[in-house]
N, C-alpha and C. Protein backbone atom coordinates (compact mmCIF):
# COMPACT_ATOMS: atom_id res chain seq x y z
N MET A 1 0.85 -1.14 0.08
CA MET A 1 0.00 0.02 0.00
C MET A 1 0.92 1.26 -0.01
N PHE A 2 1.79 1.32 0.90
CA PHE A 2 2.76 2.52 0.92
C PHE A 2 3.57 2.53 -0.36
N SER A 3 4.02 1.41 -0.83
CA SER A 3 4.84 1.39 -2.08
C SER A 3 4.02 1.93 -3.24
N GLU A 4 2.78 1.50 -3.30
CA GLU A 4 1.80 2.12 -4.35
C GLU A 4 1.68 3.60 -4.25
N PHE A 5 1.66 4.07 -2.99
CA PHE A 5 1.53 5.42 -2.93
C PHE A 5 2.71 6.16 -3.36
N VAL A 6 3.86 5.74 -3.03
CA VAL A 6 5.21 6.30 -3.36
C VAL A 6 5.22 6.18 -4.99
N CYS A 7 4.86 5.08 -5.51
CA CYS A 7 4.94 4.95 -6.99
C CYS A 7 4.17 6.01 -7.60
N LYS A 8 2.92 6.37 -7.16
CA LYS A 8 2.08 7.21 -7.73
C LYS A 8 2.43 8.69 -7.51
N LYS A 9 3.09 8.94 -6.43
CA LYS A 9 3.68 10.34 -6.03
C LYS A 9 5.10 10.16 -5.50
N PRO A 10 6.01 9.99 -6.54
CA PRO A 10 7.43 9.92 -6.04
C PRO A 10 8.07 11.01 -5.35
N VAL A 11 7.48 12.26 -5.42
CA VAL A 11 8.01 13.41 -4.73
C VAL A 11 7.96 13.08 -3.17
N PHE A 12 7.09 12.42 -2.60
CA PHE A 12 7.20 12.05 -1.21
C PHE A 12 8.32 11.17 -0.81
N GLY A 13 8.61 10.22 -1.78
CA GLY A 13 9.79 9.28 -1.62
C GLY A 13 11.10 10.05 -1.57
N ILE A 14 11.10 11.07 -2.58
CA ILE A 14 12.37 11.97 -2.60
C ILE A 14 12.49 12.79 -1.32
N VAL A 15 11.40 13.36 -0.83
CA VAL A 15 11.41 14.16 0.47
C VAL A 15 11.75 13.31 1.54
N ALA A 16 11.34 12.00 1.60
CA ALA A 16 11.67 11.21 2.76
C ALA A 16 13.14 10.86 2.69
N SER A 17 13.56 10.60 1.47
CA SER A 17 15.19 10.41 1.40
C SER A 17 15.94 11.56 1.87
N PHE A 18 15.53 12.87 1.47
CA PHE A 18 16.31 13.97 1.90
C PHE A 18 16.14 14.24 3.14
N THR A 19 15.02 13.93 3.90
CA THR A 19 14.78 14.09 5.27
C THR A 19 15.78 13.21 6.03
N GLY A 20 15.83 11.91 5.60
CA GLY A 20 16.79 10.96 6.34
C GLY A 20 18.26 11.41 6.22
N PHE A 21 18.65 11.77 5.02
CA PHE A 21 19.94 12.40 4.70
C PHE A 21 20.20 13.58 5.60
N GLY A 22 19.20 14.59 5.61
CA GLY A 22 19.40 15.73 6.54
C GLY A 22 19.53 15.39 8.01
N ALA A 23 18.79 14.41 8.40
CA ALA A 23 18.88 13.99 9.75
C ALA A 23 20.37 13.33 10.12
N SER A 24 20.79 12.57 9.16
CA SER A 24 22.14 12.12 9.37
C SER A 24 23.15 13.19 9.37
N VAL A 25 23.12 14.18 8.48
CA VAL A 25 24.00 15.28 8.53
C VAL A 25 23.87 16.05 9.89
N LEU A 26 22.68 16.32 10.27
CA LEU A 26 22.69 16.91 11.64
C LEU A 26 23.27 16.20 12.81
N MET A 27 23.03 14.94 12.74
CA MET A 27 23.73 14.22 13.84
C MET A 27 25.23 14.13 13.61
N LEU A 28 25.77 14.10 12.48
CA LEU A 28 27.18 14.27 12.27
C LEU A 28 27.69 15.59 12.72
N LEU A 29 27.00 16.62 12.39
CA LEU A 29 27.36 17.89 12.81
C LEU A 29 27.44 18.04 14.23
N GLN A 30 26.39 17.46 15.04
CA GLN A 30 26.39 17.51 16.49
C GLN A 30 27.65 16.88 17.01
N ASP A 31 28.02 15.76 16.47
CA ASP A 31 29.20 15.05 16.94
C ASP A 31 30.45 15.81 16.70
N LEU A 32 30.44 16.36 15.48
CA LEU A 32 31.69 17.18 15.09
C LEU A 32 31.78 18.43 15.94
N SER A 33 30.64 19.08 16.37
CA SER A 33 30.65 20.26 16.98
C SER A 33 31.17 20.03 18.43
N ILE A 34 30.96 18.94 18.98
CA ILE A 34 31.52 18.52 20.36
C ILE A 34 32.94 18.43 20.13
N ILE A 35 33.43 17.82 19.19
CA ILE A 35 34.88 17.65 18.95
C ILE A 35 35.60 18.95 18.65
N LEU A 36 35.06 19.62 17.76
CA LEU A 36 35.55 20.97 17.27
C LEU A 36 35.54 22.01 18.50
N GLY A 37 34.42 21.87 19.36
CA GLY A 37 34.48 22.81 20.61
C GLY A 37 35.66 22.34 21.48
N PHE A 38 35.83 21.16 21.80
CA PHE A 38 36.95 20.72 22.59
C PHE A 38 38.41 21.19 22.13
N LEU A 39 38.47 21.06 20.69
CA LEU A 39 39.75 21.36 20.18
C LEU A 39 39.91 22.88 20.24
N CYS A 40 38.95 23.65 20.09
CA CYS A 40 38.96 25.13 20.18
C CYS A 40 39.30 25.53 21.62
N ALA A 41 38.79 24.84 22.50
CA ALA A 41 39.06 25.03 24.06
C ALA A 41 40.61 24.80 24.26
N LEU A 42 41.12 23.73 23.70
CA LEU A 42 42.48 23.44 23.89
C LEU A 42 43.40 24.45 23.15
N LEU A 43 42.99 24.99 22.06
CA LEU A 43 43.72 25.95 21.34
C LEU A 43 43.67 27.29 22.12
N GLY A 44 42.57 27.56 22.81
CA GLY A 44 42.43 28.85 23.55
C GLY A 44 43.40 28.72 24.72
N PHE A 45 43.34 27.51 25.45
CA PHE A 45 44.20 27.36 26.53
C PHE A 45 45.66 27.52 26.18
N ALA A 46 46.04 26.88 25.09
CA ALA A 46 47.45 26.96 24.55
C ALA A 46 47.92 28.44 24.32
N ALA A 47 46.94 29.22 23.57
CA ALA A 47 47.14 30.56 23.36
C ALA A 47 47.38 31.38 24.53
N GLY A 48 46.46 31.20 25.54
CA GLY A 48 46.60 32.02 26.75
C GLY A 48 47.75 31.51 27.60
N PHE A 49 48.21 30.34 27.64
CA PHE A 49 49.39 29.88 28.28
C PHE A 49 50.62 30.60 27.68
N TYR A 50 50.78 30.48 26.40
CA TYR A 50 51.92 31.19 25.81
C TYR A 50 51.99 32.56 25.88
N THR A 51 50.79 33.24 25.81
CA THR A 51 50.67 34.83 26.14
C THR A 51 51.14 34.99 27.47
N TYR A 52 50.83 34.21 28.36
CA TYR A 52 51.22 34.33 29.95
C TYR A 52 52.66 34.24 29.95
N LYS A 53 53.38 33.28 29.34
CA LYS A 53 54.76 33.06 29.35
C LYS A 53 55.49 34.31 28.74
N ILE A 54 54.98 34.79 27.60
CA ILE A 54 55.62 35.90 27.03
C ILE A 54 55.63 37.08 27.87
N LYS A 55 54.40 37.42 28.31
CA LYS A 55 54.24 38.50 29.32
C LYS A 55 55.02 38.30 30.60
N ARG A 56 55.14 37.19 30.95
CA ARG A 56 55.91 37.02 32.27
C ARG A 56 57.45 37.25 32.04
N GLU A 57 57.91 36.78 30.93
CA GLU A 57 59.24 37.12 30.39
C GLU A 57 59.59 38.67 30.33
N HIS A 58 58.60 39.35 29.66
CA HIS A 58 58.63 40.71 29.56
C HIS A 58 58.73 41.41 30.95
N TRP A 59 57.87 40.98 31.84
CA TRP A 59 57.85 41.60 33.16
C TRP A 59 59.01 41.36 33.88
N LYS A 60 59.70 40.14 33.73
CA LYS A 60 61.03 39.92 34.39
C LYS A 60 62.05 40.85 33.84
N LYS A 61 62.06 41.15 32.64
CA LYS A 61 62.99 42.01 31.97
C LYS A 61 62.83 43.39 32.49
N VAL A 62 61.63 43.85 32.62
CA VAL A 62 61.35 45.21 33.07
C VAL A 62 61.77 45.33 34.53
N LYS A 63 61.53 44.37 35.36
CA LYS A 63 61.92 44.34 36.81
C LYS A 63 63.17 44.02 37.11
N ALA A 64 63.99 43.60 35.99
CA ALA A 64 65.48 43.18 36.35
C ALA A 64 66.25 44.41 36.92
N PRO A 65 67.24 44.20 37.87
CA PRO A 65 67.93 45.21 38.52
C PRO A 65 68.73 46.07 37.57
N HIS A 66 69.28 45.59 36.52
CA HIS A 66 70.08 46.35 35.62
C HIS A 66 69.18 47.24 34.74
N ASN A 67 67.95 47.23 34.67
CA ASN A 67 67.10 48.07 33.89
C ASN A 67 66.72 49.35 34.71
N HIS A 68 66.95 49.36 36.08
CA HIS A 68 66.56 50.54 36.84
C HIS A 68 67.61 51.56 36.63
N GLN A 69 67.08 52.82 36.41
CA GLN A 69 67.95 53.92 36.22
C GLN A 69 67.75 54.87 37.46
N SER A 70 69.04 55.23 37.97
CA SER A 70 68.97 56.15 39.11
C SER A 70 69.00 57.54 38.72
N HIS A 71 68.11 58.46 39.27
CA HIS A 71 68.09 59.91 38.87
C HIS A 71 69.01 60.56 39.62
């Protein structure tokens, strides 16, 4: 009965196929978004850590005794 309906109106079969494909893509994107979000968090942590190290070295150079000038 359903196959007869799809044979008479093939548009519904095409729509059903695209709907299944769309659902699969959305599920894949959900999984990828979790992975990409985690990778972006790691990248942000690494960038923050290296920025901290650079600024700490700069601060050490500014505070070094040989940089103080007496008036």
